[in-house]
């Protein structure tokens, strides 16, 4: 018998894929989406907490923590606490500066912090609603924001809408 040429077979190479880079990228993506998910949660302000007393009218904790400041024309400044229909502190006129609104904000914030401790919610400062009129100037808004920063109030809102009662209040004062 003759020697027949044998078929040359190629060696089968085992292909190996290095997955190290893909694992690293997947962990980075997981961390990124966890961080974005946590940061995108809305910050919610608890404005109401029910009363424990059954015989007394319902009082809302949020009303006790809300200070509304109305910026009027000619450096006019009116503030009240709670709802205007039944205010905790009736509307009063004050001035800008250390002896004016800053003193009122600090005093009311201290009162609110003490009240929050009694309710078992320590460390919750007041929330301020700033309502500038169309005739108030930009400097007054900046002054109020500075006063809030000095008093360490971090929960505030600037609301341009007025209720009919607030419009009457501005006309009177």
N, C-alpha and C. Protein backbone atom coordinates (compact mmCIF):
# COMPACT_ATOMS: atom_id res chain seq x y z
N UNK A 1 0.81 -1.16 0.00
CA UNK A 1 0.00 0.00 0.00
C UNK A 1 0.86 1.24 0.00
N UNK A 2 0.36 2.09 -0.68
CA UNK A 2 1.07 3.35 -0.78
C UNK A 2 0.70 4.25 0.37
N UNK A 3 1.65 5.06 0.68
CA UNK A 3 1.35 6.04 1.73
C UNK A 3 0.53 7.15 1.12
N UNK A 4 -0.63 7.19 1.58
CA UNK A 4 -1.51 8.25 1.11
C UNK A 4 -1.25 9.52 1.93
N UNK A 5 -1.24 10.61 1.24
CA UNK A 5 -1.03 11.84 2.02
C UNK A 5 -2.20 12.06 2.99
N UNK A 6 -1.85 12.35 4.16
CA UNK A 6 -2.90 12.60 5.16
C UNK A 6 -3.37 14.04 5.07
N UNK A 7 -4.61 14.16 5.37
CA UNK A 7 -5.17 15.51 5.36
C UNK A 7 -4.57 16.31 6.51
N UNK A 8 -4.25 17.51 6.19
CA UNK A 8 -3.70 18.38 7.22
C UNK A 8 -4.88 19.07 7.91
N UNK A 9 -4.97 18.78 9.12
CA UNK A 9 -6.06 19.40 9.88
C UNK A 9 -5.50 20.58 10.66
N UNK A 10 -6.27 21.63 10.61
CA UNK A 10 -5.84 22.80 11.37
C UNK A 10 -6.22 22.63 12.83
N UNK A 11 -5.40 23.21 13.64
CA UNK A 11 -5.69 23.13 15.07
C UNK A 11 -6.84 24.05 15.39
N UNK A 12 -7.73 23.58 16.22
CA UNK A 12 -8.84 24.43 16.63
C UNK A 12 -8.37 25.26 17.82
N UNK A 13 -8.44 26.56 17.63
CA UNK A 13 -8.05 27.46 18.70
C UNK A 13 -9.29 27.81 19.52
N UNK A 14 -9.11 27.75 20.78
CA UNK A 14 -10.21 28.13 21.65
C UNK A 14 -10.25 29.65 21.75
N UNK A 15 -11.34 30.22 21.32
CA UNK A 15 -11.45 31.68 21.39
C UNK A 15 -11.88 32.07 22.80
N UNK A 16 -11.21 33.02 23.36
CA UNK A 16 -11.51 33.49 24.70
C UNK A 16 -11.79 34.98 24.62
N UNK A 17 -12.89 35.38 25.21
CA UNK A 17 -13.25 36.79 25.23
C UNK A 17 -12.96 37.32 26.63
N UNK A 18 -12.22 38.40 26.67
CA UNK A 18 -11.90 39.01 27.95
C UNK A 18 -13.06 39.92 28.36
N UNK A 19 -13.74 39.57 29.43
CA UNK A 19 -14.93 40.30 29.88
C UNK A 19 -14.62 41.31 30.98
N UNK A 20 -13.39 41.52 31.29
CA UNK A 20 -13.02 42.43 32.37
C UNK A 20 -13.54 43.84 32.12
N UNK A 21 -13.34 44.33 30.93
CA UNK A 21 -13.77 45.69 30.61
C UNK A 21 -15.30 45.81 30.68
N UNK A 22 -16.00 44.80 30.20
CA UNK A 22 -17.47 44.85 30.22
C UNK A 22 -18.00 44.83 31.65
N UNK A 23 -17.37 44.06 32.52
CA UNK A 23 -17.78 44.02 33.92
C UNK A 23 -17.55 45.38 34.58
N UNK A 24 -16.43 45.99 34.29
CA UNK A 24 -16.13 47.31 34.86
C UNK A 24 -17.15 48.34 34.40
N UNK A 25 -17.45 48.34 33.12
CA UNK A 25 -18.43 49.30 32.59
C UNK A 25 -19.81 49.05 33.18
N UNK A 26 -20.18 47.80 33.33
CA UNK A 26 -21.51 47.52 33.89
C UNK A 26 -21.61 47.98 35.33
N UNK A 27 -20.56 47.81 36.13
CA UNK A 27 -20.59 48.31 37.51
C UNK A 27 -20.65 49.83 37.54
N UNK A 28 -19.92 50.48 36.67
CA UNK A 28 -20.00 51.94 36.61
C UNK A 28 -21.40 52.40 36.23
N UNK A 29 -22.04 51.72 35.28
CA UNK A 29 -23.41 52.08 34.92
C UNK A 29 -24.38 51.85 36.07
N UNK A 30 -24.22 50.77 36.79
CA UNK A 30 -25.10 50.50 37.94
C UNK A 30 -24.95 51.60 38.98
N UNK A 31 -23.71 51.97 39.29
CA UNK A 31 -23.47 53.03 40.27
C UNK A 31 -24.05 54.35 39.78
N UNK A 32 -23.86 54.66 38.50
CA UNK A 32 -24.39 55.90 37.93
C UNK A 32 -25.90 55.96 38.07
N UNK A 33 -26.61 54.90 37.69
CA UNK A 33 -28.07 54.93 37.74
C UNK A 33 -28.59 54.94 39.18
N UNK A 34 -27.87 54.30 40.09
CA UNK A 34 -28.28 54.38 41.49
C UNK A 34 -28.14 55.80 42.01
N UNK A 35 -27.06 56.46 41.67
CA UNK A 35 -26.83 57.84 42.12
C UNK A 35 -27.86 58.78 41.51
N UNK A 36 -28.09 58.66 40.21
CA UNK A 36 -29.07 59.53 39.54
C UNK A 36 -30.47 59.29 40.11
N UNK A 37 -30.80 58.06 40.38
CA UNK A 37 -32.11 57.75 40.95
C UNK A 37 -32.30 58.35 42.33
N UNK A 38 -31.24 58.36 43.11
CA UNK A 38 -31.33 58.94 44.46
C UNK A 38 -31.41 60.46 44.40
N UNK A 39 -30.64 61.07 43.51
CA UNK A 39 -30.64 62.53 43.42
C UNK A 39 -31.89 63.08 42.75
N UNK A 40 -32.57 62.28 41.96
CA UNK A 40 -33.74 62.81 41.27
C UNK A 40 -35.03 62.66 42.06
N UNK A 41 -34.95 62.11 43.28
CA UNK A 41 -36.15 62.01 44.10
C UNK A 41 -36.58 63.40 44.52
N UNK A 42 -37.87 63.71 44.44
CA UNK A 42 -38.31 65.05 44.82
C UNK A 42 -38.19 65.27 46.33
N UNK A 43 -37.85 66.48 46.68
CA UNK A 43 -37.78 66.84 48.09
C UNK A 43 -39.18 67.30 48.49
N UNK A 44 -39.79 66.61 49.43
CA UNK A 44 -41.17 66.87 49.81
C UNK A 44 -41.19 67.55 51.17
N UNK A 45 -41.98 68.57 51.27
CA UNK A 45 -42.15 69.31 52.50
C UNK A 45 -43.44 68.87 53.17
N UNK A 46 -43.34 68.35 54.39
CA UNK A 46 -44.52 67.90 55.11
C UNK A 46 -45.22 69.12 55.70
N UNK A 47 -46.33 69.50 55.10
CA UNK A 47 -47.03 70.71 55.54
C UNK A 47 -48.17 70.43 56.49
N UNK A 48 -48.53 69.19 56.70
CA UNK A 48 -49.63 68.96 57.62
C UNK A 48 -49.39 67.70 58.43
N UNK A 49 -49.75 67.81 59.68
CA UNK A 49 -49.73 66.66 60.57
C UNK A 49 -50.95 66.78 61.45
N UNK A 50 -51.70 65.75 61.58
CA UNK A 50 -52.96 65.81 62.32
C UNK A 50 -52.77 66.06 63.79
N UNK A 51 -53.82 66.47 64.42
CA UNK A 51 -53.82 66.74 65.84
C UNK A 51 -54.17 65.47 66.61
N UNK A 52 -53.58 65.31 67.80
CA UNK A 52 -53.89 64.15 68.62
C UNK A 52 -55.17 64.36 69.43
N UNK A 53 -55.60 65.58 69.53
CA UNK A 53 -56.75 65.92 70.36
C UNK A 53 -58.04 65.77 69.55
N UNK A 54 -59.05 65.16 70.15
CA UNK A 54 -60.30 64.95 69.42
C UNK A 54 -61.29 66.09 69.63
N UNK A 55 -61.23 66.77 70.79
CA UNK A 55 -62.20 67.80 71.10
C UNK A 55 -61.86 69.15 70.49
N UNK A 56 -60.57 69.38 70.20
CA UNK A 56 -60.17 70.68 69.70
C UNK A 56 -60.22 70.69 68.17
N UNK A 57 -60.35 71.87 67.57
CA UNK A 57 -60.37 71.93 66.11
C UNK A 57 -59.03 71.46 65.55
N UNK A 58 -59.07 70.95 64.34
CA UNK A 58 -57.88 70.42 63.71
C UNK A 58 -56.89 71.55 63.46
N UNK A 59 -55.67 71.35 63.96
CA UNK A 59 -54.63 72.32 63.71
C UNK A 59 -53.58 71.64 62.86
N UNK A 60 -53.10 72.33 61.89
CA UNK A 60 -52.11 71.75 60.98
C UNK A 60 -50.73 72.25 61.36
N UNK A 61 -49.83 71.32 61.49
CA UNK A 61 -48.45 71.64 61.83
C UNK A 61 -47.83 72.53 60.76
N UNK A 62 -48.21 72.31 59.51
CA UNK A 62 -47.66 73.10 58.42
C UNK A 62 -48.02 74.57 58.51
N UNK A 63 -49.21 74.87 58.98
CA UNK A 63 -49.61 76.27 59.14
C UNK A 63 -48.74 76.96 60.18
N UNK A 64 -48.37 76.23 61.21
CA UNK A 64 -47.53 76.81 62.26
C UNK A 64 -46.11 77.05 61.77
N UNK A 65 -45.71 76.41 60.72
CA UNK A 65 -44.35 76.53 60.20
C UNK A 65 -44.26 77.47 58.99
N UNK A 66 -45.36 78.05 58.56
CA UNK A 66 -45.35 78.83 57.33
C UNK A 66 -45.41 80.32 57.63
N UNK A 67 -44.41 81.04 57.16
CA UNK A 67 -44.33 82.48 57.28
C UNK A 67 -44.44 83.06 55.88
N UNK A 68 -45.40 83.94 55.66
CA UNK A 68 -45.58 84.56 54.36
C UNK A 68 -45.11 86.01 54.43
N UNK A 69 -44.27 86.39 53.48
CA UNK A 69 -43.75 87.75 53.41
C UNK A 69 -44.20 88.35 52.09
N UNK A 70 -44.90 89.48 52.16
CA UNK A 70 -45.36 90.18 50.96
C UNK A 70 -44.49 91.42 50.76
N UNK A 71 -43.88 91.51 49.60
CA UNK A 71 -43.04 92.65 49.25
C UNK A 71 -43.86 93.63 48.45
N UNK A 72 -44.10 94.79 49.01
CA UNK A 72 -44.93 95.80 48.35
C UNK A 72 -44.09 96.89 47.73
N UNK A 73 -44.76 97.88 47.14
CA UNK A 73 -44.04 99.00 46.55
C UNK A 73 -43.44 99.90 47.65
N UNK A 74 -42.45 100.69 47.30
CA UNK A 74 -41.82 101.65 48.21
C UNK A 74 -41.26 100.98 49.47
N UNK A 75 -40.60 99.86 49.29
CA UNK A 75 -39.96 99.12 50.39
C UNK A 75 -40.94 98.69 51.48
N UNK A 76 -42.19 98.49 51.11
CA UNK A 76 -43.21 98.02 52.06
C UNK A 76 -43.04 96.52 52.27
N UNK A 77 -43.13 96.09 53.51
CA UNK A 77 -42.92 94.69 53.86
C UNK A 77 -43.99 94.27 54.85
N UNK A 78 -44.82 93.29 54.46
CA UNK A 78 -45.89 92.78 55.31
C UNK A 78 -45.65 91.29 55.51
N UNK A 79 -45.81 90.81 56.74
CA UNK A 79 -45.65 89.38 56.99
C UNK A 79 -46.79 88.89 57.88
N UNK A 80 -47.09 87.61 57.75
CA UNK A 80 -48.04 86.94 58.63
C UNK A 80 -47.69 85.46 58.67
N UNK A 81 -48.27 84.77 59.66
CA UNK A 81 -47.98 83.36 59.86
C UNK A 81 -49.26 82.57 59.71
N UNK A 82 -49.19 81.45 59.00
CA UNK A 82 -50.36 80.60 58.80
C UNK A 82 -51.16 81.03 57.59
N UNK A 83 -52.45 80.79 57.65
CA UNK A 83 -53.36 81.20 56.58
C UNK A 83 -53.88 82.60 56.88
N UNK A 84 -54.07 83.40 55.85
CA UNK A 84 -54.51 84.77 56.06
C UNK A 84 -55.92 84.83 56.64
N UNK A 85 -56.77 83.87 56.31
CA UNK A 85 -58.13 83.85 56.86
C UNK A 85 -58.12 83.64 58.37
N UNK A 86 -57.25 82.76 58.85
CA UNK A 86 -57.10 82.50 60.29
C UNK A 86 -55.61 82.48 60.62
N UNK A 87 -54.98 83.65 60.68
CA UNK A 87 -53.53 83.67 60.87
C UNK A 87 -53.13 83.34 62.31
N UNK A 88 -51.98 82.70 62.44
CA UNK A 88 -51.40 82.45 63.76
C UNK A 88 -50.79 83.74 64.29
N UNK A 89 -50.19 84.52 63.40
CA UNK A 89 -49.70 85.86 63.71
C UNK A 89 -50.35 86.77 62.68
N UNK A 90 -51.08 87.77 63.16
CA UNK A 90 -51.80 88.67 62.25
C UNK A 90 -50.82 89.45 61.38
N UNK A 91 -51.28 89.88 60.20
CA UNK A 91 -50.40 90.63 59.30
C UNK A 91 -49.85 91.89 59.96
N UNK A 92 -48.56 92.06 59.83
CA UNK A 92 -47.87 93.21 60.41
C UNK A 92 -46.90 93.78 59.40
N UNK A 93 -46.65 95.07 59.53
CA UNK A 93 -45.69 95.75 58.68
C UNK A 93 -44.38 95.88 59.44
N UNK A 94 -43.28 95.67 58.77
CA UNK A 94 -41.96 95.81 59.40
C UNK A 94 -40.99 96.37 58.38
N UNK A 95 -39.74 96.50 58.80
CA UNK A 95 -38.69 97.06 57.94
C UNK A 95 -37.71 95.96 57.54
N UNK A 96 -36.88 96.29 56.58
CA UNK A 96 -35.78 95.41 56.22
C UNK A 96 -34.66 95.62 57.22
N UNK A 97 -33.80 94.63 57.37
CA UNK A 97 -32.60 94.81 58.18
C UNK A 97 -32.60 94.02 59.46
N UNK A 98 -31.56 94.28 60.24
CA UNK A 98 -31.28 93.51 61.45
C UNK A 98 -32.37 93.64 62.50
N UNK A 99 -32.88 94.81 62.71
CA UNK A 99 -33.90 95.04 63.74
C UNK A 99 -35.32 94.84 63.20
N UNK A 100 -35.46 94.64 61.92
CA UNK A 100 -36.78 94.46 61.32
C UNK A 100 -37.11 93.01 61.05
N UNK A 101 -37.13 92.65 59.77
CA UNK A 101 -37.58 91.31 59.37
C UNK A 101 -36.64 90.21 59.85
N UNK A 102 -35.34 90.49 59.93
CA UNK A 102 -34.40 89.45 60.38
C UNK A 102 -34.72 89.02 61.81
N UNK A 103 -35.02 89.99 62.67
CA UNK A 103 -35.36 89.68 64.05
C UNK A 103 -36.66 88.88 64.12
N UNK A 104 -37.65 89.23 63.29
CA UNK A 104 -38.93 88.52 63.26
C UNK A 104 -38.75 87.08 62.78
N UNK A 105 -37.96 86.90 61.71
CA UNK A 105 -37.72 85.55 61.17
C UNK A 105 -37.01 84.68 62.20
N UNK A 106 -35.98 85.22 62.83
CA UNK A 106 -35.22 84.44 63.82
C UNK A 106 -36.10 84.07 65.01
N UNK A 107 -36.90 85.02 65.50
CA UNK A 107 -37.76 84.75 66.65
C UNK A 107 -38.80 83.69 66.30
N UNK A 108 -39.41 83.83 65.13
CA UNK A 108 -40.44 82.86 64.76
C UNK A 108 -39.84 81.49 64.48
N UNK A 109 -38.65 81.46 63.91
CA UNK A 109 -37.99 80.18 63.65
C UNK A 109 -37.67 79.47 64.97
N UNK A 110 -37.19 80.21 65.96
CA UNK A 110 -36.91 79.60 67.27
C UNK A 110 -38.18 79.06 67.90
N UNK A 111 -39.27 79.81 67.80
CA UNK A 111 -40.55 79.34 68.33
C UNK A 111 -41.00 78.07 67.62
N UNK A 112 -40.84 78.04 66.32
CA UNK A 112 -41.26 76.89 65.53
C UNK A 112 -40.40 75.66 65.85
N UNK A 113 -39.10 75.86 66.06
CA UNK A 113 -38.22 74.75 66.41
C UNK A 113 -38.61 74.14 67.76
N UNK A 114 -38.96 75.00 68.71
CA UNK A 114 -39.40 74.50 70.02
C UNK A 114 -40.71 73.74 69.89
N UNK A 115 -41.62 74.27 69.08
CA UNK A 115 -42.91 73.61 68.85
C UNK A 115 -42.70 72.24 68.18
N UNK A 116 -41.77 72.19 67.23
CA UNK A 116 -41.49 70.94 66.53
C UNK A 116 -40.90 69.90 67.48
N UNK A 117 -40.07 70.34 68.42
CA UNK A 117 -39.51 69.41 69.40
C UNK A 117 -40.61 68.81 70.27
N UNK A 118 -41.59 69.63 70.64
CA UNK A 118 -42.70 69.11 71.45
C UNK A 118 -43.51 68.08 70.68
N UNK A 119 -43.58 68.24 69.35
CA UNK A 119 -44.31 67.28 68.52
C UNK A 119 -43.48 66.05 68.17
N UNK A 120 -42.22 66.06 68.57
CA UNK A 120 -41.35 64.92 68.26
C UNK A 120 -40.72 65.00 66.88
N UNK A 121 -40.65 66.20 66.33
CA UNK A 121 -40.01 66.40 65.01
C UNK A 121 -38.93 67.47 65.14
N UNK A 122 -37.86 67.19 65.88
CA UNK A 122 -36.85 68.21 66.12
C UNK A 122 -36.09 68.61 64.87
N UNK A 123 -35.62 69.86 64.88
CA UNK A 123 -34.77 70.34 63.80
C UNK A 123 -35.49 70.81 62.56
N UNK A 124 -36.83 70.95 62.61
CA UNK A 124 -37.57 71.37 61.43
C UNK A 124 -37.85 72.87 61.52
N UNK A 125 -37.17 73.62 60.68
CA UNK A 125 -37.34 75.07 60.72
C UNK A 125 -38.57 75.48 59.92
N UNK A 126 -38.82 76.78 59.90
CA UNK A 126 -40.00 77.30 59.21
C UNK A 126 -39.83 77.27 57.70
N UNK A 127 -40.94 77.38 57.01
CA UNK A 127 -40.96 77.53 55.56
C UNK A 127 -41.47 78.93 55.26
N UNK A 128 -40.81 79.62 54.36
CA UNK A 128 -41.15 81.00 54.06
C UNK A 128 -41.70 81.09 52.64
N UNK A 129 -42.82 81.78 52.50
CA UNK A 129 -43.39 82.07 51.18
C UNK A 129 -43.17 83.54 50.92
N UNK A 130 -42.44 83.85 49.86
CA UNK A 130 -42.15 85.23 49.49
C UNK A 130 -43.06 85.60 48.33
N UNK A 131 -43.81 86.68 48.49
CA UNK A 131 -44.73 87.11 47.45
C UNK A 131 -44.40 88.54 47.04
N UNK A 132 -43.60 88.70 45.99
CA UNK A 132 -43.30 90.06 45.52
C UNK A 132 -44.42 90.60 44.64
N UNK A 133 -44.79 91.85 44.84
CA UNK A 133 -45.78 92.47 43.96
C UNK A 133 -45.08 92.94 42.69
N UNK A 134 -45.87 93.32 41.71
CA UNK A 134 -45.28 93.81 40.45
C UNK A 134 -44.59 95.15 40.65
N UNK A 135 -44.99 95.87 41.69
CA UNK A 135 -44.39 97.19 41.93
C UNK A 135 -43.21 97.13 42.91
N UNK A 136 -42.92 95.96 43.46
CA UNK A 136 -41.74 95.85 44.34
C UNK A 136 -40.50 95.78 43.47
N UNK A 137 -39.37 96.15 44.06
CA UNK A 137 -38.15 96.14 43.25
C UNK A 137 -37.31 94.89 43.52
N UNK A 138 -36.42 94.62 42.61
CA UNK A 138 -35.58 93.42 42.67
C UNK A 138 -34.67 93.43 43.89
N UNK A 139 -34.22 94.59 44.29
CA UNK A 139 -33.34 94.70 45.45
C UNK A 139 -34.01 94.20 46.72
N UNK A 140 -35.32 94.45 46.85
CA UNK A 140 -36.03 93.98 48.03
C UNK A 140 -36.08 92.45 48.07
N UNK A 141 -36.26 91.82 46.92
CA UNK A 141 -36.27 90.36 46.85
C UNK A 141 -34.90 89.80 47.24
N UNK A 142 -33.85 90.42 46.76
CA UNK A 142 -32.50 90.00 47.12
C UNK A 142 -32.26 90.19 48.62
N UNK A 143 -32.76 91.31 49.17
CA UNK A 143 -32.60 91.55 50.61
C UNK A 143 -33.29 90.47 51.43
N UNK A 144 -34.50 90.08 51.03
CA UNK A 144 -35.22 89.04 51.77
C UNK A 144 -34.47 87.70 51.66
N UNK A 145 -33.99 87.38 50.49
CA UNK A 145 -33.23 86.14 50.32
C UNK A 145 -31.96 86.15 51.18
N UNK A 146 -31.32 87.31 51.29
CA UNK A 146 -30.15 87.44 52.16
C UNK A 146 -30.53 87.23 53.62
N UNK A 147 -31.66 87.80 54.03
CA UNK A 147 -32.12 87.63 55.41
C UNK A 147 -32.41 86.16 55.72
N UNK A 148 -32.98 85.45 54.77
CA UNK A 148 -33.25 84.02 54.96
C UNK A 148 -31.95 83.24 55.08
N UNK A 149 -30.96 83.62 54.31
CA UNK A 149 -29.65 82.96 54.37
C UNK A 149 -28.99 83.21 55.71
N UNK A 150 -29.08 84.43 56.21
CA UNK A 150 -28.49 84.78 57.50
C UNK A 150 -29.17 84.00 58.63
N UNK A 151 -30.50 83.83 58.52
CA UNK A 151 -31.27 83.13 59.56
C UNK A 151 -31.23 81.60 59.38
N UNK A 152 -30.49 81.11 58.39
CA UNK A 152 -30.37 79.66 58.11
C UNK A 152 -31.72 79.02 57.78
N UNK A 153 -32.54 79.72 57.02
CA UNK A 153 -33.81 79.18 56.54
C UNK A 153 -33.55 78.65 55.14
N UNK A 154 -33.71 77.33 54.96
CA UNK A 154 -33.41 76.75 53.66
C UNK A 154 -34.66 76.33 52.90
N UNK A 155 -35.81 76.51 53.49
CA UNK A 155 -37.06 76.13 52.83
C UNK A 155 -37.88 77.39 52.55
N UNK A 156 -37.86 77.80 51.28
CA UNK A 156 -38.63 78.98 50.91
C UNK A 156 -39.12 78.84 49.48
N UNK A 157 -40.12 79.64 49.15
CA UNK A 157 -40.67 79.64 47.79
C UNK A 157 -41.00 81.07 47.42
N UNK A 158 -40.80 81.39 46.15
CA UNK A 158 -41.17 82.70 45.64
C UNK A 158 -42.41 82.50 44.79
N UNK A 159 -43.53 83.09 45.23
CA UNK A 159 -44.82 82.87 44.59
C UNK A 159 -45.36 84.21 44.11
N UNK A 160 -45.58 84.39 42.81
CA UNK A 160 -46.05 85.68 42.31
C UNK A 160 -47.57 85.88 42.39
N UNK A 161 -48.34 84.85 42.72
CA UNK A 161 -49.80 84.98 42.76
C UNK A 161 -50.26 85.47 44.13
N UNK A 162 -51.32 86.26 44.11
CA UNK A 162 -51.90 86.78 45.34
C UNK A 162 -53.34 86.34 45.45
N UNK A 163 -53.77 86.06 46.69
CA UNK A 163 -55.18 85.78 46.93
C UNK A 163 -55.92 87.11 47.01
N UNK A 164 -57.24 87.11 46.85
CA UNK A 164 -57.99 88.37 46.98
C UNK A 164 -57.79 89.02 48.36
N UNK A 165 -57.67 88.21 49.42
CA UNK A 165 -57.47 88.75 50.75
C UNK A 165 -56.13 89.47 50.84
N UNK A 166 -55.10 88.91 50.21
CA UNK A 166 -53.78 89.56 50.23
C UNK A 166 -53.79 90.85 49.43
N UNK A 167 -54.54 90.89 48.35
CA UNK A 167 -54.64 92.11 47.56
C UNK A 167 -55.32 93.21 48.39
N UNK A 168 -56.38 92.84 49.13
CA UNK A 168 -57.04 93.82 50.02
C UNK A 168 -56.09 94.28 51.12
N UNK A 169 -55.31 93.36 51.65
CA UNK A 169 -54.36 93.68 52.69
C UNK A 169 -53.33 94.69 52.20
N UNK A 170 -52.84 94.50 50.99
CA UNK A 170 -51.88 95.45 50.42
C UNK A 170 -52.49 96.82 50.22
N UNK A 171 -53.76 96.86 49.84
CA UNK A 171 -54.43 98.14 49.62
C UNK A 171 -54.62 98.88 50.95
N UNK A 172 -54.86 98.14 52.03
CA UNK A 172 -55.08 98.76 53.33
C UNK A 172 -53.79 99.30 53.96
N UNK A 173 -52.75 98.51 53.91
CA UNK A 173 -51.52 98.88 54.64
C UNK A 173 -50.67 99.79 53.85
